[in-house]
Amino acid sequence: MQFVAILDPMPALIAPARRRGIALRPLAEVPQAPVRLARWRRGEEGAPARLRRIRASADAVRAMLLVEDEAALAAGLDAGADDAALERAHPVEIVARLLALLRATRHDRLLTIGDLAIDRATRTVRRGGVQLNLLPREYAVLLHLADHAGSAVPRADLLRAVWARDFDPETNVVQVQMSRLRAKLDAAGPPILHTDRGRGYRLGDA
């Protein structure tokens, strides 16, 4: 499950988002979420001010606005929003736009899944603010799973991506690495690495 921080209640989007693997949570619950969603109406404050409040101190996050009309949509984008959609747009469209923003963040320096933060540049991993000491192979496995957060990654894909093997050597190397990685992740928070039997390994909500 991937997380999007919301600054306003959006009950109509919760179910459609969850069906696409997105959990909409208040910003206070997921301050490290890479995408933030909020409403903006021109009568309340200027778009630049609203965007500053959305991003707060995390300038690297992507901000999406839900607006009242086409003029506000253009103003929001001109002010620096990463995306904007009309409030009357179908929830499926809004969720699809959120997914596009989440995909874009995967290529950024900082990759976040819930309270897990991976810094690609420094190859450091933190969970809930606590740095995890991962071995190189554990980091490689975690990064591959994070790039596919919310989806089950088959064992064969991990062998190919992390061990550069195009065949299954019928060893337990993947299981051993997963056990070690899961122990380190679980020591810093609730379970986030799951085994989907018959499908593979998944990083995200249960």
Protein backbone atom coordinates (compact mmCIF):
# COMPACT_ATOMS: atom_id res chain seq x y z
CA MET A 1 0.00 0.00 0.00
CA GLN A 2 1.27 3.48 -0.91
CA PHE A 3 0.43 6.56 1.14
CA VAL A 4 -0.87 9.98 0.14
CA ALA A 5 -1.18 12.67 2.81
CA ILE A 6 -4.40 14.68 2.69
CA LEU A 7 -4.91 18.09 4.25
CA ASP A 8 -8.72 18.05 3.93
CA PRO A 9 -11.34 15.31 4.49
CA MET A 10 -12.00 13.43 1.22
CA PRO A 11 -14.36 10.53 2.00
CA ALA A 12 -15.42 10.05 -1.64
CA LEU A 13 -11.84 9.20 -2.64
CA ILE A 14 -11.00 6.68 0.11
CA ALA A 15 -12.53 3.55 -1.44
CA PRO A 16 -11.43 4.22 -5.07
CA ALA A 17 -7.91 4.98 -3.84
CA ARG A 18 -7.69 1.82 -1.75
CA ARG A 19 -8.76 -0.27 -4.74
CA ARG A 20 -5.69 1.07 -6.57
CA GLY A 21 -3.35 0.44 -3.63
CA ILE A 22 -3.36 3.97 -2.16
CA ALA A 23 -4.14 4.81 1.47
CA LEU A 24 -5.28 8.41 2.04
CA ARG A 25 -4.19 9.48 5.52
CA PRO A 26 -4.06 12.82 7.38
CA LEU A 27 -0.70 14.53 7.08
CA ALA A 28 -0.04 14.13 10.81
CA GLU A 29 -0.16 10.33 10.41
CA VAL A 30 2.12 10.11 7.35
CA PRO A 31 4.40 13.18 7.39
CA GLN A 32 6.90 11.40 5.09
CA ALA A 33 4.34 10.63 2.38
CA PRO A 34 5.82 11.72 -0.98
CA VAL A 35 2.52 13.10 -2.35
CA ARG A 36 0.11 15.50 -0.65
CA LEU A 37 -3.44 16.32 -1.74
CA ALA A 38 -5.51 19.33 -0.71
CA ARG A 39 -8.42 21.47 -1.85
CA TRP A 40 -7.89 25.06 -2.91
CA ARG A 41 -10.49 27.75 -3.46
CA ARG A 42 -9.44 31.17 -4.69
CA GLY A 43 -11.55 32.99 -2.10
CA GLU A 44 -9.58 31.48 0.78
CA GLU A 45 -5.94 32.38 0.04
CA GLY A 46 -3.55 32.64 -2.84
CA ALA A 47 -2.35 29.45 -4.51
CA PRO A 48 1.35 30.07 -3.64
CA ALA A 49 0.46 30.41 0.07
CA ARG A 50 -1.67 27.29 -0.02
CA LEU A 51 1.11 25.33 -1.69
CA ARG A 52 3.62 26.49 0.92
CA ARG A 53 1.30 25.18 3.63
CA ILE A 54 0.83 21.89 1.76
CA ARG A 55 4.55 21.31 1.38
CA ALA A 56 5.47 22.85 4.75
CA SER A 57 9.17 22.09 5.33
CA ALA A 58 9.25 19.20 2.86
CA ASP A 59 9.88 20.96 -0.42
CA ALA A 60 10.63 17.70 -2.22
CA VAL A 61 7.09 16.34 -1.86
CA ARG A 62 4.70 16.55 -4.79
CA ALA A 63 1.55 18.60 -4.27
CA MET A 64 -1.80 18.10 -6.00
CA LEU A 65 -4.74 20.48 -5.76
CA LEU A 66 -8.47 19.85 -6.12
CA VAL A 67 -10.02 23.06 -7.42
CA GLU A 68 -13.46 24.51 -8.18
CA ASP A 69 -13.14 25.48 -11.86
CA GLU A 70 -10.85 25.67 -14.88
CA ALA A 71 -9.53 29.12 -13.97
CA ALA A 72 -8.47 27.90 -10.53
CA LEU A 73 -6.89 24.84 -12.12
CA ALA A 74 -4.71 26.99 -14.33
CA ALA A 75 -3.84 29.32 -11.43
CA GLY A 76 -2.84 26.39 -9.24
CA LEU A 77 -0.55 24.90 -11.86
CA ASP A 78 0.97 28.30 -12.59
CA ALA A 79 1.69 28.71 -8.88
CA GLY A 80 3.74 25.51 -8.81
CA ALA A 81 1.38 22.62 -8.09
CA ASP A 82 2.64 19.32 -9.51
CA ASP A 83 -0.89 18.52 -10.67
CA ALA A 84 -4.44 19.77 -10.27
CA ALA A 85 -7.89 18.38 -10.93
CA LEU A 86 -11.44 19.67 -10.76
CA GLU A 87 -13.33 18.73 -7.60
CA ARG A 88 -16.18 17.49 -9.80
CA ALA A 89 -13.88 15.12 -11.70
CA HIS A 90 -14.62 11.42 -11.34
CA PRO A 91 -12.79 9.87 -8.36
CA VAL A 92 -11.21 7.33 -10.72
CA GLU A 93 -9.52 10.16 -12.64
CA ILE A 94 -8.25 11.82 -9.47
CA VAL A 95 -6.83 8.54 -8.17
CA ALA A 96 -5.15 7.88 -11.53
CA ARG A 97 -3.45 11.27 -11.26
CA LEU A 98 -2.26 10.43 -7.75
CA LEU A 99 -0.80 7.18 -9.03
CA ALA A 100 1.08 9.07 -11.73
CA LEU A 101 2.60 11.37 -9.10
CA LEU A 102 3.56 8.41 -6.93
CA ARG A 103 5.27 6.73 -9.89
CA ALA A 104 7.21 9.92 -10.56
CA THR A 105 8.49 10.03 -6.96
CA ARG A 106 10.11 6.61 -7.36
CA HIS A 107 12.85 8.21 -9.42
CA ASP A 108 13.49 10.97 -6.90
CA ARG A 109 16.36 10.86 -4.43
CA LEU A 110 14.09 10.16 -1.44
CA LEU A 111 11.68 7.22 -1.65
CA THR A 112 9.11 6.86 1.13
CA ILE A 113 6.62 4.12 1.97
CA GLY A 114 4.69 4.95 5.13
CA ASP A 115 7.26 5.66 7.85
CA LEU A 116 10.05 4.06 5.79
CA ALA A 117 12.42 6.47 4.01
CA ILE A 118 15.12 5.38 1.54
CA ASP A 119 17.72 7.92 0.41
CA ARG A 120 19.05 6.72 -2.95
CA ALA A 121 21.95 9.17 -2.96
CA THR A 122 23.41 8.18 0.43
CA ARG A 123 22.01 4.61 0.39
CA THR A 124 20.63 5.13 3.89
CA VAL A 125 17.36 3.76 5.23
CA ARG A 126 15.32 5.12 8.11
CA ARG A 127 12.10 3.91 9.67
CA GLY A 128 10.24 6.20 12.03
CA GLY A 129 13.33 8.36 12.12
CA VAL A 130 15.58 5.46 13.20
CA GLN A 131 18.41 4.57 10.83
CA LEU A 132 18.58 0.90 9.86
CA ASN A 133 21.95 -0.73 9.33
CA LEU A 134 21.42 -2.81 6.21
CA LEU A 135 24.01 -4.91 4.43
CA PRO A 136 24.48 -4.16 0.69
CA ARG A 137 22.38 -7.14 -0.43
CA GLU A 138 19.62 -6.29 2.04
CA TYR A 139 19.57 -2.73 0.75
CA ALA A 140 19.37 -3.93 -2.87
CA VAL A 141 16.43 -6.21 -2.04
CA LEU A 142 14.63 -3.45 -0.13
CA LEU A 143 15.13 -0.92 -2.93
CA HIS A 144 13.75 -3.32 -5.54
CA LEU A 145 10.70 -4.02 -3.38
CA ALA A 146 10.25 -0.28 -2.73
CA ASP A 147 10.26 0.43 -6.47
CA HIS A 148 7.28 -1.94 -6.68
CA ALA A 149 5.63 -0.94 -3.38
CA GLY A 150 2.15 -2.33 -2.94
CA SER A 151 2.67 -5.13 -5.49
CA ALA A 152 3.90 -8.67 -4.95
CA VAL A 153 7.38 -9.21 -6.43
CA PRO A 154 7.98 -12.84 -7.49
CA ARG A 155 11.05 -14.68 -6.24
CA ALA A 156 12.30 -15.08 -9.82
CA ASP A 157 12.20 -11.29 -10.33
CA LEU A 158 14.30 -10.75 -7.21
CA LEU A 159 16.84 -13.34 -8.34
CA ARG A 160 17.12 -11.57 -11.67
CA ALA A 161 17.29 -8.02 -10.29
CA VAL A 162 19.45 -8.54 -7.20
CA TRP A 163 21.46 -11.69 -7.91
CA ALA A 164 21.61 -11.32 -11.74
CA ARG A 165 20.35 -14.86 -12.21
CA ASP A 166 17.98 -15.73 -15.04
CA PHE A 167 17.33 -19.16 -13.61
CA ASP A 168 16.22 -20.53 -10.26
CA PRO A 169 19.16 -22.27 -8.55
CA GLU A 170 16.70 -23.87 -6.10
CA THR A 171 18.45 -22.41 -3.08
CA ASN A 172 16.98 -20.48 -0.18
CA VAL A 173 19.08 -17.32 -0.69
CA VAL A 174 15.97 -15.18 -1.20
CA GLN A 175 14.22 -16.55 1.88
CA VAL A 176 17.33 -15.98 4.01
CA GLN A 177 17.70 -12.36 2.87
CA MET A 178 13.97 -11.74 3.41
CA SER A 179 14.14 -13.12 6.93
CA ARG A 180 17.07 -10.88 7.83
CA LEU A 181 15.53 -7.82 6.21
CA ARG A 182 12.14 -8.41 7.81
CA ALA A 183 13.74 -8.68 11.26
CA LYS A 184 15.44 -5.30 10.87
CA LEU A 185 12.31 -3.61 9.52
CA ASP A 186 10.05 -5.10 12.21
CA ALA A 187 12.42 -3.97 14.96
CA ALA A 188 11.62 -0.35 14.06
CA GLY A 189 7.85 -0.58 13.50
CA PRO A 190 4.83 -2.74 12.63
CA PRO A 191 5.11 -5.38 9.86
CA ILE A 192 5.71 -3.77 6.46
CA LEU A 193 7.30 -6.64 4.50
CA HIS A 194 4.80 -9.38 3.66
CA THR A 195 4.84 -12.76 1.95
CA ASP A 196 1.95 -13.26 -0.49
CA ARG A 197 1.90 -17.01 -0.85
CA GLY A 198 2.20 -18.13 -4.44
CA ARG A 199 2.88 -14.56 -5.62
CA GLY A 200 6.01 -13.21 -3.94
CA TYR A 201 7.05 -10.52 -1.47
CA ARG A 202 5.29 -7.18 -0.97
CA LEU A 203 6.36 -3.98 0.76
CA GLY A 204 3.56 -1.87 2.26
CA ASP A 205 0.45 -2.18 4.41
CA ALA A 206 -0.88 -5.63 5.29
